[in-house]
N, C-alpha and C. Protein backbone atom coordinates (compact mmCIF):
# COMPACT_ATOMS: atom_id res chain seq x y z
N UNK A 1 -3.14 9.34 -22.97
CA UNK A 1 -2.80 10.25 -22.50
C UNK A 1 -2.17 11.66 -22.01
N UNK A 2 -2.10 12.84 -22.43
CA UNK A 2 -1.48 13.74 -22.79
C UNK A 2 -0.67 13.32 -21.34
N UNK A 3 0.61 14.55 -21.59
CA UNK A 3 2.21 14.96 -21.52
C UNK A 3 1.87 15.43 -19.77
N UNK A 4 0.49 16.34 -19.63
CA UNK A 4 0.90 16.69 -17.94
C UNK A 4 0.20 15.71 -17.76
N UNK A 5 -0.73 15.62 -17.54
CA UNK A 5 -1.72 14.32 -16.80
C UNK A 5 -0.44 13.27 -16.65
N UNK A 6 0.17 12.72 -17.39
CA UNK A 6 1.00 11.44 -16.99
C UNK A 6 2.01 11.88 -16.07
N UNK A 7 2.42 13.59 -16.23
CA UNK A 7 3.46 13.77 -15.44
C UNK A 7 3.06 14.21 -14.46
N UNK A 8 1.79 14.33 -13.90
CA UNK A 8 1.30 15.25 -13.06
C UNK A 8 0.93 13.34 -11.92
N UNK A 9 0.06 12.37 -12.80
CA UNK A 9 0.58 11.09 -11.86
C UNK A 9 1.62 10.83 -11.78
N UNK A 10 2.63 11.44 -12.43
CA UNK A 10 4.18 10.66 -12.35
C UNK A 10 4.06 10.90 -10.66
N UNK A 11 4.30 12.29 -10.45
CA UNK A 11 4.39 13.10 -9.45
C UNK A 11 3.62 12.96 -8.29
N UNK A 12 2.59 12.62 -8.63
CA UNK A 12 1.75 12.26 -7.55
C UNK A 12 2.39 10.28 -6.70
N UNK A 13 2.39 9.60 -7.93
CA UNK A 13 3.01 8.18 -7.47
C UNK A 13 4.27 8.31 -6.82
N UNK A 14 4.89 9.61 -6.97
CA UNK A 14 6.54 9.31 -5.85
C UNK A 14 6.09 10.09 -4.75
N UNK A 15 5.26 10.49 -5.47
CA UNK A 15 5.07 11.43 -3.69
C UNK A 15 4.04 10.49 -2.24
N UNK A 16 3.52 9.76 -2.71
CA UNK A 16 2.48 8.40 -2.42
C UNK A 16 3.30 7.59 -1.62
N UNK A 17 4.17 7.19 -3.05
CA UNK A 17 5.22 6.05 -2.47
C UNK A 17 6.63 6.47 -1.20
N UNK A 18 6.68 7.88 -1.66
CA UNK A 18 7.68 8.54 -0.35
C UNK A 18 6.81 8.80 0.88
N UNK A 19 5.94 9.32 0.93
CA UNK A 19 4.63 9.26 2.06
C UNK A 19 4.55 7.60 2.15
N UNK A 20 3.97 6.49 1.54
CA UNK A 20 4.67 5.01 2.85
C UNK A 20 6.30 4.40 2.77
N UNK A 21 6.94 5.35 2.09
CA UNK A 21 7.94 4.70 2.48
C UNK A 21 8.13 5.63 4.13
N UNK A 22 7.74 6.34 4.60
CA UNK A 22 7.86 7.57 5.16
C UNK A 22 7.17 6.74 6.76
N UNK A 23 6.06 6.33 6.13
CA UNK A 23 4.97 5.93 7.28
C UNK A 23 5.84 4.50 7.86
N UNK A 24 6.14 3.91 7.04
CA UNK A 24 6.60 2.05 7.06
C UNK A 24 7.91 1.99 7.06
N UNK A 25 8.78 2.32 7.14
CA UNK A 25 9.91 2.49 7.01
C UNK A 25 11.24 3.33 8.04
N UNK A 26 10.68 4.35 9.07
CA UNK A 26 11.17 4.84 9.72
C UNK A 26 11.24 3.95 10.85
N UNK A 27 12.36 4.34 11.52
CA UNK A 27 12.63 4.25 13.27
C UNK A 27 11.78 4.12 13.66
N UNK A 28 10.52 3.32 14.90
CA UNK A 28 9.87 3.04 15.73
C UNK A 28 10.43 2.63 17.11
N UNK A 29 11.77 3.82 17.31
CA UNK A 29 11.99 2.83 18.48
C UNK A 29 12.54 1.21 18.99
N UNK A 30 13.84 1.31 19.37
CA UNK A 30 13.94 -0.10 19.82
C UNK A 30 15.25 0.29 18.17
N UNK A 31 16.15 -1.13 18.52
CA UNK A 31 16.41 -2.26 16.96
C UNK A 31 16.37 -3.38 16.92
N UNK A 32 16.66 -3.94 15.61
CA UNK A 32 16.34 -5.16 15.41
C UNK A 32 14.64 -4.99 14.33
N UNK A 33 13.68 -6.52 14.79
CA UNK A 33 12.49 -6.85 14.91
C UNK A 33 11.50 -7.17 15.42
N UNK A 34 10.13 -7.18 16.07
CA UNK A 34 9.64 -8.06 16.60
C UNK A 34 8.70 -9.19 15.62
N UNK A 35 8.57 -10.42 15.59
CA UNK A 35 7.40 -10.46 14.95
C UNK A 35 5.81 -10.61 15.34
N UNK A 36 4.76 -10.23 14.30
CA UNK A 36 3.92 -10.46 14.85
C UNK A 36 3.20 -12.02 14.21
N UNK A 37 3.26 -12.64 14.99
CA UNK A 37 2.19 -13.81 15.57
C UNK A 37 1.09 -13.70 14.67
N UNK A 38 1.08 -13.88 13.17
CA UNK A 38 -0.48 -14.15 12.95
C UNK A 38 -1.66 -14.19 12.96
N UNK A 39 -1.77 -15.73 13.99
CA UNK A 39 -3.14 -15.91 14.51
C UNK A 39 -2.78 -14.70 16.36
N UNK A 40 -2.44 -14.31 16.55
CA UNK A 40 -2.40 -13.32 17.81
C UNK A 40 -3.35 -12.32 17.36
N UNK A 41 -2.04 -11.78 15.98
CA UNK A 41 -2.94 -10.32 15.61
C UNK A 41 -4.13 -10.51 15.00
N UNK A 42 -4.81 -11.04 13.88
CA UNK A 42 -5.76 -11.70 13.98
C UNK A 42 -7.07 -11.73 14.77
N UNK A 43 -6.67 -12.61 16.04
CA UNK A 43 -7.69 -12.77 17.33
C UNK A 43 -7.32 -11.34 17.84
N UNK A 44 -6.82 -10.28 18.14
CA UNK A 44 -6.80 -9.30 18.59
C UNK A 44 -7.27 -7.94 17.49
N UNK A 45 -6.63 -8.27 16.05
CA UNK A 45 -8.35 -7.78 15.71
C UNK A 45 -9.91 -7.99 15.55
N UNK A 46 -9.72 -9.47 15.45
CA UNK A 46 -11.32 -9.66 15.49
C UNK A 46 -11.85 -9.81 16.65
N UNK A 47 -11.49 -9.35 18.10
CA UNK A 47 -11.76 -8.89 19.35
C UNK A 47 -11.46 -7.23 20.53
N UNK A 48 -10.81 -6.40 18.87
CA UNK A 48 -10.29 -5.79 19.25
C UNK A 48 -11.47 -4.43 18.75
N UNK A 49 -12.09 -4.46 18.38
CA UNK A 49 -13.27 -3.40 17.14
C UNK A 49 -13.36 -2.54 18.10
N UNK A 50 -13.85 -3.03 19.41
CA UNK A 50 -14.56 -1.75 20.18
C UNK A 50 -13.49 -0.85 20.31
N UNK A 51 -11.89 -1.02 19.80
CA UNK A 51 -10.85 -0.24 20.75
C UNK A 51 -10.31 0.60 19.22
N UNK A 52 -10.97 2.30 19.75
CA UNK A 52 -9.89 3.26 18.71
C UNK A 52 -8.79 2.77 18.08
N UNK A 53 -7.67 2.19 19.15
CA UNK A 53 -6.63 1.96 18.61
C UNK A 53 -6.06 0.94 17.48
N UNK A 54 -7.39 -0.38 17.60
CA UNK A 54 -7.53 -1.44 16.83
C UNK A 54 -8.13 -0.74 15.94
N UNK A 55 -9.53 -0.53 15.52
CA UNK A 55 -9.41 -0.13 14.26
C UNK A 55 -8.97 0.91 13.54
N UNK A 56 -7.98 1.89 14.55
CA UNK A 56 -7.43 2.69 13.06
C UNK A 56 -6.36 1.82 12.56
N UNK A 57 -5.59 0.69 13.80
CA UNK A 57 -4.46 0.11 12.98
C UNK A 57 -5.46 -0.54 11.94
N UNK A 58 -5.88 -1.16 11.88
CA UNK A 58 -6.74 -2.09 10.88
C UNK A 58 -7.39 -0.70 9.61
N UNK A 59 -7.76 0.22 9.42
CA UNK A 59 -8.07 0.75 8.47
C UNK A 59 -6.99 1.68 8.11
N UNK A 60 -5.67 1.74 9.21
CA UNK A 60 -4.62 2.15 8.32
C UNK A 60 -3.61 1.72 7.10
N UNK A 61 -3.71 0.16 8.07
CA UNK A 61 -3.21 -0.94 7.38
C UNK A 61 -4.40 -1.47 5.39
N UNK A 62 -6.06 -1.19 5.40
CA UNK A 62 -6.14 -1.39 4.60
C UNK A 62 -5.92 -0.08 3.42
N UNK A 63 -5.83 1.04 3.82
CA UNK A 63 -5.57 2.34 3.57
C UNK A 63 -4.19 2.29 3.07
N UNK A 64 -3.23 1.87 3.41
CA UNK A 64 -2.00 2.68 3.29
C UNK A 64 -1.46 2.32 1.69
N UNK A 65 -2.09 1.60 1.13
CA UNK A 65 -0.90 1.05 -0.39
C UNK A 65 -2.06 1.51 -1.70
N UNK A 66 -3.55 1.88 -1.08
CA UNK A 66 -4.93 2.45 -2.03
C UNK A 66 -3.85 3.26 -2.51
N UNK A 67 -3.77 5.04 -1.93
CA UNK A 67 -3.70 5.89 -3.10
C UNK A 67 -2.70 5.37 -4.00
N UNK A 68 -1.24 4.25 -3.85
CA UNK A 68 -0.92 4.00 -4.68
C UNK A 68 -1.48 3.55 -5.90
N UNK A 69 -1.92 2.12 -5.49
CA UNK A 69 -2.64 1.29 -6.33
C UNK A 69 -4.02 2.34 -7.25
N UNK A 70 -4.68 3.27 -6.85
CA UNK A 70 -5.44 4.64 -7.96
C UNK A 70 -4.10 5.07 -8.46
N UNK A 71 -3.15 5.60 -8.18
CA UNK A 71 -2.63 6.63 -9.05
C UNK A 71 -1.91 5.42 -10.64
N UNK A 72 -1.44 4.01 -9.28
CA UNK A 72 -0.94 3.35 -10.43
C UNK A 72 -1.46 2.79 -11.65
N UNK A 73 -3.25 2.59 -11.41
CA UNK A 73 -4.37 2.17 -12.70
C UNK A 73 -4.44 3.14 -13.32
N UNK A 74 -4.41 4.46 -12.74
CA UNK A 74 -4.64 5.31 -13.87
C UNK A 74 -3.37 6.13 -14.46
N UNK A 75 -2.55 5.93 -14.48
CA UNK A 75 -0.64 6.20 -14.93
C UNK A 75 -0.83 5.17 -16.24
N UNK A 76 -1.11 3.50 -15.61
CA UNK A 76 -0.78 2.62 -16.19
C UNK A 76 -2.07 1.62 -16.85
N UNK A 77 -2.84 2.53 -16.93
CA UNK A 77 -4.32 1.45 -17.26
C UNK A 77 -4.18 -0.42 -17.12
N UNK A 78 -2.75 -0.66 -18.16
CA UNK A 78 -2.60 -2.17 -17.59
C UNK A 78 -2.44 -2.63 -17.36
N UNK A 79 -2.11 -2.02 -16.07
CA UNK A 79 -2.15 -2.48 -14.68
C UNK A 79 -3.64 -2.93 -14.13
N UNK A 80 -4.25 -2.37 -14.23
CA UNK A 80 -5.72 -2.46 -13.78
C UNK A 80 -6.65 -3.76 -14.16
N UNK A 81 -5.94 -5.11 -13.83
CA UNK A 81 -6.26 -6.20 -14.12
C UNK A 81 -6.41 -7.03 -12.45
N UNK A 82 -7.43 -7.68 -12.25
CA UNK A 82 -7.76 -7.85 -11.00
C UNK A 82 -6.30 -8.64 -10.64
N UNK A 83 -6.06 -10.09 -11.45
CA UNK A 83 -4.79 -10.55 -11.15
C UNK A 83 -3.40 -9.36 -11.42
N UNK A 84 -2.86 -8.35 -11.72
CA UNK A 84 -2.10 -7.65 -11.58
C UNK A 84 -1.72 -7.08 -10.52
N UNK A 85 -3.15 -6.12 -10.47
CA UNK A 85 -3.83 -5.59 -8.95
C UNK A 85 -3.42 -6.29 -8.11
N UNK A 86 -3.75 -7.64 -7.82
CA UNK A 86 -3.31 -8.48 -6.56
C UNK A 86 -1.95 -8.90 -6.81
N UNK A 87 -1.22 -9.07 -7.64
CA UNK A 87 0.19 -9.44 -7.67
C UNK A 87 1.11 -8.23 -7.51
N UNK A 88 0.82 -7.05 -7.91
CA UNK A 88 1.45 -6.35 -6.94
C UNK A 88 1.32 -5.79 -5.70
N UNK A 89 0.49 -5.87 -5.13
CA UNK A 89 -0.38 -5.34 -4.60
C UNK A 89 0.17 -6.49 -3.17
N UNK A 90 -0.19 -7.64 -3.55
CA UNK A 90 0.93 -8.82 -2.68
C UNK A 90 2.40 -8.32 -2.36
N UNK A 91 3.28 -8.32 -3.78
CA UNK A 91 4.23 -7.60 -3.30
C UNK A 91 5.04 -6.30 -3.07
N UNK A 92 4.18 -5.61 -2.87
CA UNK A 92 4.44 -4.51 -2.46
C UNK A 92 4.38 -4.42 -0.94
N UNK A 93 3.04 -5.09 -0.18
CA UNK A 93 3.00 -5.08 1.15
C UNK A 93 4.29 -6.04 1.71
N UNK A 94 4.27 -7.49 1.01
CA UNK A 94 5.32 -7.98 1.49
C UNK A 94 6.62 -7.54 1.00
N UNK A 95 6.89 -6.32 0.35
CA UNK A 95 8.63 -6.29 0.24
C UNK A 95 8.41 -5.10 1.54
N UNK A 96 7.67 -4.63 1.64
CA UNK A 96 7.54 -3.84 3.26
C UNK A 96 7.80 -4.32 4.29
N UNK A 97 7.09 -5.85 4.33
CA UNK A 97 7.21 -6.48 5.79
C UNK A 97 9.35 -6.95 5.36
N UNK A 98 9.46 -7.16 4.59
CA UNK A 98 10.84 -7.87 4.56
C UNK A 98 11.84 -6.80 4.64
N UNK A 99 11.28 -5.40 4.05
CA UNK A 99 12.19 -4.27 4.33
C UNK A 99 12.37 -3.93 6.04
N UNK A 100 10.97 -4.07 6.67
CA UNK A 100 11.17 -3.99 8.20
C UNK A 100 11.77 -4.88 8.65
N UNK A 101 11.87 -6.66 8.00
CA UNK A 101 12.65 -6.98 9.24
C UNK A 101 14.22 -7.28 8.72
N UNK A 102 14.78 -6.23 7.66
CA UNK A 102 15.60 -6.29 6.95
C UNK A 102 16.84 -5.15 7.50
N UNK A 103 15.79 -4.25 8.06
CA UNK A 103 16.20 -3.05 8.53
C UNK A 103 16.00 -3.08 9.67
N UNK A 104 17.18 -2.36 10.56
CA UNK A 104 16.96 -2.04 12.62
C UNK A 104 16.45 -0.79 12.18
N UNK A 105 15.05 -1.31 12.26
CA UNK A 105 13.90 -0.21 12.68
C UNK A 105 13.31 -0.42 13.83
N UNK A 106 13.45 -1.41 14.43
CA UNK A 106 12.36 -1.55 15.98
C UNK A 106 10.86 -2.31 15.43
N UNK A 107 10.77 -2.21 14.23
CA UNK A 107 9.35 -2.43 13.86
C UNK A 107 8.62 -3.69 14.50
N UNK A 108 7.40 -3.98 14.00
CA UNK A 108 6.56 -5.41 14.10
C UNK A 108 6.74 -6.05 12.84
N UNK A 109 7.06 -7.44 12.43
CA UNK A 109 7.23 -7.88 10.83
C UNK A 109 5.61 -8.62 11.12
N UNK A 110 4.53 -8.52 10.26
CA UNK A 110 3.70 -8.76 10.24
C UNK A 110 2.76 -9.55 9.05
N UNK A 111 2.71 -10.76 8.83
CA UNK A 111 2.16 -11.03 7.97
C UNK A 111 0.67 -10.34 7.22
N UNK A 112 0.09 -10.19 8.73
CA UNK A 112 -0.85 -9.86 8.52
C UNK A 112 -0.90 -8.68 7.83
N UNK A 113 -0.52 -7.76 8.30
CA UNK A 113 0.01 -6.08 7.62
C UNK A 113 -0.57 -6.43 6.12
N UNK A 114 1.12 -7.21 6.10
CA UNK A 114 0.72 -7.05 4.63
C UNK A 114 -0.32 -7.80 4.07
N UNK A 115 -1.42 -8.92 4.75
CA UNK A 115 -2.15 -8.60 3.55
C UNK A 115 -3.59 -8.05 3.36
N UNK A 116 -3.78 -7.03 4.66
CA UNK A 116 -4.93 -5.60 5.36
C UNK A 116 -3.88 -4.84 4.23
N UNK A 117 -2.27 -4.64 3.72
CA UNK A 117 -2.25 -3.58 2.72
C UNK A 117 -2.75 -4.12 1.26
N UNK A 118 -2.46 -5.54 0.86
CA UNK A 118 -2.56 -5.54 -0.28
C UNK A 118 -4.46 -5.90 -0.26
N UNK A 119 -5.44 -6.39 0.83
CA UNK A 119 -6.26 -5.90 0.85
C UNK A 119 -7.28 -4.93 -0.07
N UNK A 120 -6.79 -3.58 0.72
CA UNK A 120 -7.06 -2.32 0.54
C UNK A 120 -6.37 -2.12 -0.67
N UNK A 121 -4.50 -2.18 -0.90
CA UNK A 121 -4.98 -1.90 -2.42
C UNK A 121 -5.69 -2.17 -4.25
N UNK A 122 -6.03 -3.15 -3.45
CA UNK A 122 -6.49 -4.20 -4.55
C UNK A 122 -8.33 -3.82 -4.69
N UNK A 123 -8.70 -3.46 -3.59
CA UNK A 123 -9.87 -2.67 -3.66
C UNK A 123 -9.86 -1.77 -4.40
N UNK A 124 -9.31 -0.60 -3.91
CA UNK A 124 -8.93 0.83 -4.49
C UNK A 124 -9.24 0.92 -5.72
N UNK A 125 -7.76 -0.62 -6.46
CA UNK A 125 -7.25 -0.05 -7.71
C UNK A 125 -8.83 -1.00 -8.37
N UNK A 126 -9.65 -1.77 -7.91
CA UNK A 126 -11.10 -2.07 -8.56
C UNK A 126 -11.89 -1.16 -8.43
N UNK A 127 -11.86 -0.35 -7.80
CA UNK A 127 -12.82 0.90 -7.31
C UNK A 127 -12.36 1.86 -9.29
N UNK A 128 -10.91 2.21 -8.93
CA UNK A 128 -11.16 2.88 -10.37
C UNK A 128 -11.13 2.27 -11.36
N UNK A 129 -11.12 0.70 -11.19
CA UNK A 129 -11.52 -0.06 -13.11
C UNK A 129 -13.16 -0.19 -13.64
N UNK A 130 -13.99 0.40 -11.84
CA UNK A 130 -15.12 0.09 -12.02
C UNK A 130 -16.01 1.72 -12.03
N UNK A 131 -14.75 2.14 -11.68
CA UNK A 131 -15.77 3.96 -12.44
C UNK A 131 -14.80 4.27 -14.18
N UNK A 132 -13.30 3.71 -14.27
CA UNK A 132 -13.22 3.47 -15.89
C UNK A 132 -14.19 3.07 -16.72
N UNK A 133 -14.89 1.69 -16.50
CA UNK A 133 -15.80 1.48 -17.06
C UNK A 133 -16.70 2.41 -17.89
N UNK A 134 -16.92 2.60 -18.95
CA UNK A 134 -18.17 2.79 -19.73
C UNK A 134 -19.39 2.38 -19.76
N UNK A 135 -20.15 3.73 -19.47
CA UNK A 135 -21.85 3.02 -19.28
C UNK A 135 -22.39 3.68 -17.92
N UNK A 136 -23.54 3.58 -17.84
CA UNK A 136 -23.85 4.28 -16.23
C UNK A 136 -23.12 4.24 -15.54
N UNK A 137 -22.78 3.26 -14.72
CA UNK A 137 -22.11 2.73 -13.61
C UNK A 137 -21.03 3.72 -13.33
N UNK A 138 -20.11 3.77 -14.68
CA UNK A 138 -18.65 3.68 -14.63
C UNK A 138 -18.40 5.57 -15.27
N UNK A 139 -17.42 6.35 -15.06
CA UNK A 139 -16.78 7.55 -15.24
C UNK A 139 -15.57 6.92 -16.47
N UNK A 140 -16.22 7.19 -18.18
CA UNK A 140 -15.68 6.63 -19.05
C UNK A 140 -14.15 7.61 -19.52
N UNK A 141 -13.51 7.01 -19.52
CA UNK A 141 -12.57 7.77 -19.82
C UNK A 141 -11.57 7.94 -17.99
N UNK A 142 -11.43 7.49 -17.17
CA UNK A 142 -10.63 7.64 -16.33
C UNK A 142 -9.63 6.96 -16.74
N UNK A 143 -8.46 6.73 -16.60
CA UNK A 143 -7.36 6.00 -16.79
C UNK A 143 -6.57 6.22 -18.02
N UNK A 144 -7.68 6.86 -19.06
CA UNK A 144 -7.24 6.49 -19.94
C UNK A 144 -7.21 5.49 -21.28
N UNK A 145 -6.10 5.38 -22.16
CA UNK A 145 -6.13 3.90 -22.24
C UNK A 145 -4.21 3.59 -23.03
C-alpha cells in the first residue's frame, strides 16, 4: 500500500472515530445515565418498525461503526477476518456503552445498542472483504496486502 493511500486512510479513520465520539459521547441532557433494559428495547424495536423514530434508531445503531470497520479493513487488511472483525466491533460497541455509563452524559446505556453497533460493523467489514476477493465477484486489490 502506498504512503499516500495509507495517510489518507489514517486521516479518514481519525475523522470517523471523532464522528463516532461526537455522536455517542456528547451530553444528551441530564446527569448520569439510564439503563436500557434489553428485553424492553428488543420489544420496542420489534413492535415499532412502523415508526420512523424506531427505524432511524435501528439503522443509526447498525451504521454507527460501519465506516470505522470499512476503513480499518482497508487500512489494516489483517483485521479483515470475521473473528477479528467481531472482536473489534464488540469491543468498540461495548466501550462506547461503558463510557456512556462512566461519564455524566445523560445517555442510555444499552447492551442492545452495543450489539447493533457490532453487527453493523461486522457486516460492513465483510462486504469489504468480499469485494477485495479476486475473481468475478470481488474487486481485486481493494485493501492491498
